[in-house]
PDB file of N, CA and C in Angstrom:
ATOM      1  N   UNK A   1      34.263 -87.279 -41.771  1.00  0.00           N
ATOM      2  CA  UNK A   1      34.634 -86.945 -43.261  1.00  0.00           C
ATOM      3  C   UNK A   1      33.063 -87.668 -43.818  1.00  0.00           C
ATOM      4  N   UNK A   2      32.993 -87.644 -45.167  1.00  0.00           N
ATOM      5  CA  UNK A   2      31.871 -88.609 -45.491  1.00  0.00           C
ATOM      6  C   UNK A   2      32.641 -89.244 -46.910  1.00  0.00           C
ATOM      7  N   UNK A   3      32.654 -89.800 -47.445  1.00  0.00           N
ATOM      8  CA  UNK A   3      33.886 -90.222 -48.352  1.00  0.00           C
ATOM      9  C   UNK A   3      32.835 -90.959 -49.396  1.00  0.00           C
ATOM     10  N   UNK A   4      31.522 -90.819 -50.283  1.00  0.00           N
ATOM     11  CA  UNK A   4      30.772 -90.996 -51.464  1.00  0.00           C
ATOM     12  C   UNK A   4      31.017 -91.767 -52.603  1.00  0.00           C
ATOM     13  N   UNK A   5      31.063 -92.763 -52.215  1.00  0.00           N
ATOM     14  CA  UNK A   5      31.708 -93.503 -53.830  1.00  0.00           C
ATOM     15  C   UNK A   5      32.868 -94.196 -53.671  1.00  0.00           C
ATOM     16  N   UNK A   6      33.336 -94.932 -52.524  1.00  0.00           N
ATOM     17  CA  UNK A   6      35.359 -95.211 -52.570  1.00  0.00           C
ATOM     18  C   UNK A   6      35.123 -96.236 -52.208  1.00  0.00           C
ATOM     19  N   UNK A   7      35.814 -97.042 -53.148  1.00  0.00           N
ATOM     20  CA  UNK A   7      36.092 -98.464 -52.334  1.00  0.00           C
ATOM     21  C   UNK A   7      36.204 -99.115 -51.088  1.00  0.00           C
ATOM     22  N   UNK A   8      36.304 -99.599 -50.783  1.00  0.00           N
ATOM     23  CA  UNK A   8      36.984 -99.945 -49.588  1.00  0.00           C
ATOM     24  C   UNK A   8      38.497-100.331 -49.652  1.00  0.00           C
ATOM     25  N   UNK A   9      39.273-100.411 -50.646  1.00  0.00           N
ATOM     26  CA  UNK A   9      40.705-100.760 -50.413  1.00  0.00           C
ATOM     27  C   UNK A   9      41.251 -99.197 -51.066  1.00  0.00           C
ATOM     28  N   UNK A  10      40.241 -98.233 -51.422  1.00  0.00           N
ATOM     29  CA  UNK A  10      40.813 -97.254 -51.000  1.00  0.00           C
ATOM     30  C   UNK A  10      40.983 -96.578 -50.412  1.00  0.00           C
ATOM     31  N   UNK A  11      39.697 -96.566 -49.233  1.00  0.00           N
ATOM     32  CA  UNK A  11      39.635 -96.118 -47.714  1.00  0.00           C
ATOM     33  C   UNK A  11      40.743 -96.543 -46.833  1.00  0.00           C
ATOM     34  N   UNK A  12      40.757 -98.078 -46.840  1.00  0.00           N
ATOM     35  CA  UNK A  12      42.156 -98.833 -46.015  1.00  0.00           C
ATOM     36  C   UNK A  12      43.183 -97.935 -46.278  1.00  0.00           C
ATOM     37  N   UNK A  13      43.747 -97.479 -47.676  1.00  0.00           N
ATOM     38  CA  UNK A  13      44.869 -96.788 -48.242  1.00  0.00           C
ATOM     39  C   UNK A  13      44.909 -95.397 -47.682  1.00  0.00           C
ATOM     40  N   UNK A  14      43.594 -94.849 -47.608  1.00  0.00           N
ATOM     41  CA  UNK A  14      44.010 -93.487 -47.020  1.00  0.00           C
ATOM     42  C   UNK A  14      43.619 -93.645 -45.496  1.00  0.00           C
ATOM     43  N   UNK A  15      43.287 -94.215 -44.938  1.00  0.00           N
ATOM     44  CA  UNK A  15      43.542 -94.680 -43.546  1.00  0.00           C
ATOM     45  C   UNK A  15      45.294 -95.051 -43.548  1.00  0.00           C
ATOM     46  N   UNK A  16      45.772 -95.793 -44.193  1.00  0.00           N
ATOM     47  CA  UNK A  16      46.780 -96.531 -43.475  1.00  0.00           C
ATOM     48  C   UNK A  16      47.661 -95.012 -43.797  1.00  0.00           C
ATOM     49  N   UNK A  17      47.818 -94.169 -45.025  1.00  0.00           N
ATOM     50  CA  UNK A  17      48.109 -93.471 -44.722  1.00  0.00           C
ATOM     51  C   UNK A  17      48.097 -92.237 -43.734  1.00  0.00           C
ATOM     52  N   UNK A  18      46.956 -91.829 -43.496  1.00  0.00           N
ATOM     53  CA  UNK A  18      47.101 -91.184 -42.434  1.00  0.00           C
ATOM     54  C   UNK A  18      47.358 -91.390 -40.858  1.00  0.00           C
ATOM     55  N   UNK A  19      48.018 -92.656 -40.579  1.00  0.00           N
ATOM     56  CA  UNK A  19      48.462 -93.102 -39.603  1.00  0.00           C
ATOM     57  C   UNK A  19      49.606 -93.544 -39.440  1.00  0.00           C
ATOM     58  N   UNK A  20      50.275 -93.781 -40.897  1.00  0.00           N
ATOM     59  CA  UNK A  20      51.586 -93.532 -40.985  1.00  0.00           C
ATOM     60  C   UNK A  20      52.082 -91.842 -41.353  1.00  0.00           C
ATOM     61  N   UNK A  21      51.608 -91.114 -41.405  1.00  0.00           N
ATOM     62  CA  UNK A  21      51.566 -89.631 -41.338  1.00  0.00           C
ATOM     63  C   UNK A  21      52.096 -89.151 -39.977  1.00  0.00           C
ATOM     64  N   UNK A  22      50.761 -90.213 -39.121  1.00  0.00           N
ATOM     65  CA  UNK A  22      50.792 -89.419 -38.031  1.00  0.00           C
ATOM     66  C   UNK A  22      52.261 -90.202 -36.921  1.00  0.00           C
ATOM     67  N   UNK A  23      52.093 -91.018 -37.554  1.00  0.00           N
ATOM     68  CA  UNK A  23      53.472 -92.025 -36.532  1.00  0.00           C
ATOM     69  C   UNK A  23      54.937 -91.102 -36.759  1.00  0.00           C
ATOM     70  N   UNK A  24      54.853 -90.565 -38.587  1.00  0.00           N
ATOM     71  CA  UNK A  24      56.340 -89.790 -38.957  1.00  0.00           C
ATOM     72  C   UNK A  24      56.683 -88.858 -37.901  1.00  0.00           C
ATOM     73  N   UNK A  25      55.134 -87.891 -37.762  1.00  0.00           N
ATOM     74  CA  UNK A  25      55.260 -86.640 -37.443  1.00  0.00           C
ATOM     75  C   UNK A  25      55.156 -86.739 -35.596  1.00  0.00           C
ATOM     76  N   UNK A  26      55.119 -87.962 -35.285  1.00  0.00           N
ATOM     77  CA  UNK A  26      54.552 -88.391 -33.415  1.00  0.00           C
ATOM     78  C   UNK A  26      56.215 -89.117 -33.289  1.00  0.00           C
ATOM     79  N   UNK A  27      56.547 -90.151 -33.534  1.00  0.00           N
ATOM     80  CA  UNK A  27      57.275 -91.106 -33.125  1.00  0.00           C
ATOM     81  C   UNK A  27      58.763 -89.862 -32.529  1.00  0.00           C
ATOM     82  N   UNK A  28      59.336 -89.943 -31.535  1.00  0.00           N
ATOM     83  CA  UNK A  28      60.211 -89.492 -31.003  1.00  0.00           C
ATOM     84  C   UNK A  28      60.050 -88.511 -30.425  1.00  0.00           C
ATOM     85  N   UNK A  29      58.866 -88.142 -30.454  1.00  0.00           N
ATOM     86  CA  UNK A  29      58.494 -86.386 -29.094  1.00  0.00           C
ATOM     87  C   UNK A  29      58.001 -87.283 -28.438  1.00  0.00           C
ATOM     88  N   UNK A  30      58.252 -86.172 -27.051  1.00  0.00           N
ATOM     89  CA  UNK A  30      57.998 -86.765 -25.773  1.00  0.00           C
ATOM     90  C   UNK A  30      56.265 -86.946 -25.756  1.00  0.00           C
ATOM     91  N   UNK A  31      55.727 -85.987 -26.134  1.00  0.00           N
ATOM     92  CA  UNK A  31      54.080 -86.407 -26.060  1.00  0.00           C
ATOM     93  C   UNK A  31      53.767 -87.058 -27.233  1.00  0.00           C
ATOM     94  N   UNK A  32      54.160 -87.782 -27.483  1.00  0.00           N
ATOM     95  CA  UNK A  32      53.346 -89.025 -28.539  1.00  0.00           C
ATOM     96  C   UNK A  32      53.073 -90.289 -28.239  1.00  0.00           C
ATOM     97  N   UNK A  33      51.842 -90.972 -27.917  1.00  0.00           N
ATOM     98  CA  UNK A  33      51.644 -91.349 -27.698  1.00  0.00           C
ATOM     99  C   UNK A  33      50.707 -92.938 -28.722  1.00  0.00           C
ATOM    100  N   UNK A  34      50.871 -93.420 -28.781  1.00  0.00           N
ATOM    101  CA  UNK A  34      50.324 -94.677 -30.167  1.00  0.00           C
ATOM    102  C   UNK A  34      49.343 -95.676 -29.321  1.00  0.00           C
ATOM    103  N   UNK A  35      48.738 -95.883 -29.279  1.00  0.00           N
ATOM    104  CA  UNK A  35      47.341 -96.860 -28.951  1.00  0.00           C
ATOM    105  C   UNK A  35      47.035 -97.434 -29.560  1.00  0.00           C
ATOM    106  N   UNK A  36      46.725 -98.995 -30.006  1.00  0.00           N
ATOM    107  CA  UNK A  36      46.233 -99.819 -30.711  1.00  0.00           C
ATOM    108  C   UNK A  36      44.860-100.063 -30.348  1.00  0.00           C
ATOM    109  N   UNK A  37      43.957-100.079 -31.437  1.00  0.00           N
ATOM    110  CA  UNK A  37      42.071-100.252 -30.797  1.00  0.00           C
ATOM    111  C   UNK A  37      42.250-101.598 -30.309  1.00  0.00           C
ATOM    112  N   UNK A  38      43.287-103.131 -30.548  1.00  0.00           N
ATOM    113  CA  UNK A  38      42.753-103.955 -29.864  1.00  0.00           C
ATOM    114  C   UNK A  38      43.156-103.971 -28.499  1.00  0.00           C
ATOM    115  N   UNK A  39      44.158-102.888 -28.400  1.00  0.00           N
ATOM    116  CA  UNK A  39      44.802-103.485 -27.272  1.00  0.00           C
ATOM    117  C   UNK A  39      43.723-102.471 -25.737  1.00  0.00           C
ATOM    118  N   UNK A  40      43.137-101.305 -26.457  1.00  0.00           N
ATOM    119  CA  UNK A  40      42.381-101.163 -25.608  1.00  0.00           C
ATOM    120  C   UNK A  40      40.736-101.768 -25.599  1.00  0.00           C
ATOM    121  N   UNK A  41      40.361-102.834 -26.540  1.00  0.00           N
ATOM    122  CA  UNK A  41      39.361-103.616 -25.924  1.00  0.00           C
ATOM    123  C   UNK A  41      39.636-104.926 -25.612  1.00  0.00           C
ATOM    124  N   UNK A  42      41.036-105.506 -25.812  1.00  0.00           N
ATOM    125  CA  UNK A  42      41.514-106.490 -24.860  1.00  0.00           C
ATOM    126  C   UNK A  42      41.811-106.407 -23.850  1.00  0.00           C
ATOM    127  N   UNK A  43      42.663-105.505 -23.446  1.00  0.00           N
ATOM    128  CA  UNK A  43      43.133-104.824 -22.493  1.00  0.00           C
ATOM    129  C   UNK A  43      43.179-103.703 -21.937  1.00  0.00           C
ATOM    130  N   UNK A  44      41.609-103.550 -21.792  1.00  0.00           N
ATOM    131  CA  UNK A  44      40.982-102.425 -21.182  1.00  0.00           C
ATOM    132  C   UNK A  44      41.913-101.907 -20.511  1.00  0.00           C
ATOM    133  N   UNK A  45      41.935-102.485 -18.701  1.00  0.00           N
ATOM    134  CA  UNK A  45      42.464-101.335 -18.458  1.00  0.00           C
ATOM    135  C   UNK A  45      44.020-101.161 -17.602  1.00  0.00           C
ATOM    136  N   UNK A  46      44.739-102.304 -18.088  1.00  0.00           N
ATOM    137  CA  UNK A  46      46.245-102.536 -18.430  1.00  0.00           C
ATOM    138  C   UNK A  46      46.312-100.460 -19.914  1.00  0.00           C
ATOM    139  N   UNK A  47      45.319-100.774 -20.464  1.00  0.00           N
ATOM    140  CA  UNK A  47      45.895-100.325 -21.600  1.00  0.00           C
ATOM    141  C   UNK A  47      45.291 -98.324 -21.339  1.00  0.00           C
ATOM    142  N   UNK A  48      44.197 -98.187 -20.388  1.00  0.00           N
ATOM    143  CA  UNK A  48      43.844 -97.030 -19.387  1.00  0.00           C
ATOM    144  C   UNK A  48      45.007 -96.246 -19.239  1.00  0.00           C
ATOM    145  N   UNK A  49      45.796 -96.970 -18.378  1.00  0.00           N
ATOM    146  CA  UNK A  49      46.420 -97.202 -17.046  1.00  0.00           C
ATOM    147  C   UNK A  49      47.465 -96.313 -17.810  1.00  0.00           C
ATOM    148  N   UNK A  50      48.146 -97.391 -18.947  1.00  0.00           N
ATOM    149  CA  UNK A  50      48.994 -96.261 -19.515  1.00  0.00           C
ATOM    150  C   UNK A  50      48.817 -95.076 -20.180  1.00  0.00           C
ATOM    151  N   UNK A  51      47.359 -95.030 -20.652  1.00  0.00           N
ATOM    152  CA  UNK A  51      46.913 -93.353 -21.617  1.00  0.00           C
ATOM    153  C   UNK A  51      47.134 -93.093 -20.166  1.00  0.00           C
ATOM    154  N   UNK A  52      46.624 -93.131 -18.925  1.00  0.00           N
ATOM    155  CA  UNK A  52      46.067 -92.295 -18.077  1.00  0.00           C
ATOM    156  C   UNK A  52      47.916 -91.463 -17.310  1.00  0.00           C
ATOM    157  N   UNK A  53      48.882 -92.648 -17.220  1.00  0.00           N
ATOM    158  CA  UNK A  53      50.200 -92.532 -16.436  1.00  0.00           C
ATOM    159  C   UNK A  53      51.015 -91.458 -17.553  1.00  0.00           C
ATOM    160  N   UNK A  54      50.645 -91.307 -19.348  1.00  0.00           N
ATOM    161  CA  UNK A  54      51.665 -90.683 -20.125  1.00  0.00           C
ATOM    162  C   UNK A  54      51.454 -89.585 -19.624  1.00  0.00           C
ATOM    163  N   UNK A  55      50.759 -88.572 -18.639  1.00  0.00           N
ATOM    164  CA  UNK A  55      50.421 -87.552 -18.760  1.00  0.00           C
ATOM    165  C   UNK A  55      50.476 -87.043 -17.337  1.00  0.00           C
ATOM    166  N   UNK A  56      51.259 -88.136 -16.905  1.00  0.00           N
ATOM    167  CA  UNK A  56      50.979 -88.186 -15.566  1.00  0.00           C
ATOM    168  C   UNK A  56      49.720 -87.717 -14.724  1.00  0.00           C
ATOM    169  N   UNK A  57      48.569 -88.436 -14.512  1.00  0.00           N
ATOM    170  CA  UNK A  57      47.271 -89.102 -14.778  1.00  0.00           C
ATOM    171  C   UNK A  57      47.464 -89.876 -13.359  1.00  0.00           C
ATOM    172  N   UNK A  58      46.281 -89.599 -12.024  1.00  0.00           N
ATOM    173  CA  UNK A  58      46.196 -90.659 -11.717  1.00  0.00           C
ATOM    174  C   UNK A  58      45.212 -91.403 -12.578  1.00  0.00           C
ATOM    175  N   UNK A  59      44.933 -92.727 -11.875  1.00  0.00           N
ATOM    176  CA  UNK A  59      44.067 -93.946 -12.961  1.00  0.00           C
ATOM    177  C   UNK A  59      43.396 -93.981 -12.359  1.00  0.00           C
ATOM    178  N   UNK A  60      42.157 -93.779 -12.270  1.00  0.00           N
ATOM    179  CA  UNK A  60      40.897 -94.243 -11.539  1.00  0.00           C
ATOM    180  C   UNK A  60      40.175 -95.263 -11.559  1.00  0.00           C
ATOM    181  N   UNK A  61      39.979 -96.606 -10.852  1.00  0.00           N
ATOM    182  CA  UNK A  61      39.038 -97.620 -11.526  1.00  0.00           C
ATOM    183  C   UNK A  61      37.532 -97.299 -12.096  1.00  0.00           C
ATOM    184  N   UNK A  62      37.177 -96.086 -12.038  1.00  0.00           N
ATOM    185  CA  UNK A  62      35.911 -96.230 -13.054  1.00  0.00           C
ATOM    186  C   UNK A  62      36.070 -95.501 -14.096  1.00  0.00           C
ATOM    187  N   UNK A  63      37.080 -95.620 -14.669  1.00  0.00           N
ATOM    188  CA  UNK A  63      37.462 -95.158 -15.794  1.00  0.00           C
ATOM    189  C   UNK A  63      37.129 -96.655 -17.029  1.00  0.00           C
ATOM    190  N   UNK A  64      37.442 -97.724 -16.364  1.00  0.00           N
ATOM    191  CA  UNK A  64      37.134 -99.036 -16.758  1.00  0.00           C
ATOM    192  C   UNK A  64      35.498 -99.257 -17.406  1.00  0.00           C
ATOM    193  N   UNK A  65      34.692 -98.393 -16.330  1.00  0.00           N
ATOM    194  CA  UNK A  65      33.560 -98.076 -16.644  1.00  0.00           C
ATOM    195  C   UNK A  65      32.723 -97.352 -17.140  1.00  0.00           C
ATOM    196  N   UNK A  66      33.653 -96.546 -17.714  1.00  0.00           N
ATOM    197  CA  UNK A  66      33.229 -95.205 -18.189  1.00  0.00           C
ATOM    198  C   UNK A  66      32.264 -95.170 -18.947  1.00  0.00           C
ATOM    199  N   UNK A  67      31.859 -96.368 -19.866  1.00  0.00           N
ATOM    200  CA  UNK A  67      30.718 -96.812 -20.610  1.00  0.00           C
ATOM    201  C   UNK A  67      29.348 -97.198 -20.692  1.00  0.00           C
ATOM    202  N   UNK A  68      29.706 -97.378 -18.993  1.00  0.00           N
ATOM    203  CA  UNK A  68      28.409 -98.366 -18.488  1.00  0.00           C
ATOM    204  C   UNK A  68      27.546 -97.080 -18.341  1.00  0.00           C
ATOM    205  N   UNK A  69      26.160 -97.533 -18.358  1.00  0.00           N
ATOM    206  CA  UNK A  69      25.273 -95.582 -18.066  1.00  0.00           C
ATOM    207  C   UNK A  69      24.870 -95.760 -16.784  1.00  0.00           C
ATOM    208  N   UNK A  70      24.876 -95.061 -16.012  1.00  0.00           N
ATOM    209  CA  UNK A  70      24.814 -94.877 -14.559  1.00  0.00           C
ATOM    210  C   UNK A  70      22.878 -94.606 -14.066  1.00  0.00           C
ATOM    211  N   UNK A  71      23.187 -94.923 -13.039  1.00  0.00           N
ATOM    212  CA  UNK A  71      21.539 -94.953 -12.531  1.00  0.00           C
ATOM    213  C   UNK A  71      21.376 -93.609 -11.338  1.00  0.00           C
ATOM    214  N   UNK A  72      20.930 -93.133 -10.971  1.00  0.00           N
ATOM    215  CA  UNK A  72      20.119 -91.952 -10.709  1.00  0.00           C
ATOM    216  C   UNK A  72      19.149 -92.446  -9.886  1.00  0.00           C
ATOM    217  N   UNK A  73      19.783 -91.606  -8.472  1.00  0.00           N
ATOM    218  CA  UNK A  73      18.103 -92.500  -7.996  1.00  0.00           C
ATOM    219  C   UNK A  73      17.682 -91.033  -7.238  1.00  0.00           C
ATOM    220  N   UNK A  74      16.344 -90.469  -7.071  1.00  0.00           N
ATOM    221  CA  UNK A  74      15.854 -89.307  -6.995  1.00  0.00           C
ATOM    222  C   UNK A  74      14.955 -89.540  -5.660  1.00  0.00           C
ATOM    223  N   UNK A  75      15.822 -88.347  -4.583  1.00  0.00           N
ATOM    224  CA  UNK A  75      14.666 -88.789  -3.492  1.00  0.00           C
ATOM    225  C   UNK A  75      13.894 -87.291  -2.841  1.00  0.00           C
ATOM    226  N   UNK A  76      12.400 -87.255  -3.104  1.00  0.00           N
ATOM    227  CA  UNK A  76      12.089 -86.728  -3.239  1.00  0.00           C
ATOM    228  C   UNK A  76      11.460 -85.642  -1.881  1.00  0.00           C
ATOM    229  N   UNK A  77      11.650 -84.262  -1.765  1.00  0.00           N
ATOM    230  CA  UNK A  77      12.349 -83.610  -0.698  1.00  0.00           C
ATOM    231  C   UNK A  77      10.948 -83.714   0.435  1.00  0.00           C
ATOM    232  N   UNK A  78      11.375 -83.672   1.453  1.00  0.00           N
ATOM    233  CA  UNK A  78      10.094 -83.679   2.049  1.00  0.00           C
ATOM    234  C   UNK A  78       9.432 -82.671   2.281  1.00  0.00           C
ATOM    235  N   UNK A  79       8.149 -82.616   3.374  1.00  0.00           N
ATOM    236  CA  UNK A  79       7.372 -81.330   2.979  1.00  0.00           C
ATOM    237  C   UNK A  79       7.703 -80.670   4.625  1.00  0.00           C
ATOM    238  N   UNK A  80       6.964 -80.098   4.228  1.00  0.00           N
ATOM    239  CA  UNK A  80       7.209 -79.069   5.367  1.00  0.00           C
ATOM    240  C   UNK A  80       5.015 -78.836   5.853  1.00  0.00           C
ATOM    241  N   UNK A  81       5.322 -79.603   7.046  1.00  0.00           N
ATOM    242  CA  UNK A  81       3.570 -79.642   6.902  1.00  0.00           C
ATOM    243  C   UNK A  81       3.330 -79.221   8.707  1.00  0.00           C
TER     244      UNK A  81
END
């Protein structure tokens, strides 16, 4: 969503209202989990484990590295001579 010609203060108030609205609608419901961005950045593995355990999924350590690029090795097929 784009907010042309909005002041930072207006955007901050909008964001705060969105977060508070989500909290009002979610707190107390068994399917509501709130995660702070700071926790995801500073305590990544602990926070990812919390997120995965919430719907009773197993945590895989590879999730801690999901943001890293992957390397693919291509092995040419053998020629039939």
